[in-house]
Amino acid sequence: MSAGLADNVRKYRRTAGLSQEGLAEAARLSLSTVRKAEQGGHVSMDTLAALAGAPENRTPREDLFAGGGRCRTR
């Protein structure tokens, strides 16, 4: 995963006011998966979709991949 994508995951989590633990719970993922995503590790598209679609996060998926790192929520 690219550093820009990892940064976007972290930015959206923080914008939503979530801890890594909170995002993991909301996305129904393990804490280690969230950490791996934020550190630029390899994660699946399903994982990215779960992170983006977590009820408390609600990040437009395409924004995770945006080079500019826009930080907007719905």
Protein backbone atom coordinates (compact mmCIF):
# COMPACT_ATOMS: atom_id res chain seq x y z
CA MET A 1 0.00 0.00 0.00
CA SER A 2 1.30 3.45 -0.79
CA ALA A 3 2.32 5.92 1.90
CA GLY A 4 -0.28 8.38 0.59
CA LEU A 5 -3.06 5.84 1.03
CA ALA A 6 -1.85 4.98 4.54
CA ASP A 7 -1.78 8.70 5.40
CA ASN A 8 -5.32 9.10 4.07
CA VAL A 9 -6.60 6.22 6.21
CA ARG A 10 -5.05 7.88 9.27
CA LYS A 11 -6.38 11.35 8.36
CA TYR A 12 -9.92 10.11 7.89
CA ARG A 13 -9.83 8.16 11.15
CA ARG A 14 -8.67 11.23 13.04
CA THR A 15 -11.18 13.49 11.27
CA ALA A 16 -13.92 11.11 12.39
CA GLY A 17 -12.60 11.37 15.95
CA LEU A 18 -11.81 7.67 16.17
CA SER A 19 -8.96 5.85 17.82
CA GLN A 20 -7.45 2.92 15.97
CA GLU A 21 -9.38 0.66 18.32
CA GLY A 22 -12.60 2.52 17.59
CA LEU A 23 -12.14 2.26 13.85
CA ALA A 24 -11.29 -1.43 14.12
CA GLU A 25 -14.48 -2.06 16.07
CA ALA A 26 -16.64 0.05 13.75
CA ALA A 27 -15.20 -1.64 10.65
CA ARG A 28 -15.33 -5.09 12.25
CA LEU A 29 -11.62 -5.57 11.69
CA SER A 30 -8.79 -6.41 14.03
CA LEU A 31 -6.71 -3.67 15.58
CA SER A 32 -3.63 -5.12 13.89
CA THR A 33 -5.32 -4.73 10.48
CA VAL A 34 -6.02 -1.04 11.12
CA ARG A 35 -2.45 -0.52 12.28
CA LYS A 36 -1.11 -2.31 9.22
CA ALA A 37 -3.23 -0.10 6.94
CA GLU A 38 -1.95 3.07 8.62
CA GLN A 39 1.65 1.88 8.41
CA GLY A 40 1.43 1.23 4.68
CA GLY A 41 1.26 -2.55 4.86
CA HIS A 42 -0.52 -4.72 2.33
CA VAL A 43 -4.26 -4.82 2.89
CA SER A 44 -7.03 -6.07 0.64
CA MET A 45 -9.56 -3.95 -1.20
CA ASP A 46 -12.22 -5.50 1.05
CA THR A 47 -10.32 -4.17 4.07
CA LEU A 48 -10.10 -0.69 2.55
CA ALA A 49 -13.82 -0.80 1.80
CA ALA A 50 -14.54 -1.80 5.40
CA LEU A 51 -12.35 1.03 6.72
CA ALA A 52 -13.98 3.57 4.46
CA GLY A 53 -17.50 2.34 5.11
CA ALA A 54 -17.35 2.09 8.88
CA PRO A 55 -20.48 3.83 10.20
CA GLU A 56 -18.52 6.32 12.31
CA ASN A 57 -16.06 7.03 9.48
CA ARG A 58 -18.16 7.10 6.28
CA THR A 59 -15.28 8.13 4.05
CA PRO A 60 -15.95 8.14 0.31
CA ARG A 61 -13.76 5.27 -0.91
CA GLU A 62 -12.41 7.27 -3.82
CA ASP A 63 -11.06 9.85 -1.36
CA LEU A 64 -8.81 7.25 0.27
CA PHE A 65 -7.01 7.00 -3.06
CA ALA A 66 -6.94 10.75 -3.78
CA GLY A 67 -3.42 12.04 -4.15
CA GLY A 68 -4.29 15.33 -2.52
CA GLY A 69 -5.46 13.67 0.66
CA ARG A 70 -8.73 15.58 0.80
CA CYS A 71 -10.35 15.25 4.18
CA ARG A 72 -14.10 15.53 3.93
CA THR A 73 -16.80 13.47 5.47
CA ARG A 74 -20.36 12.91 4.35
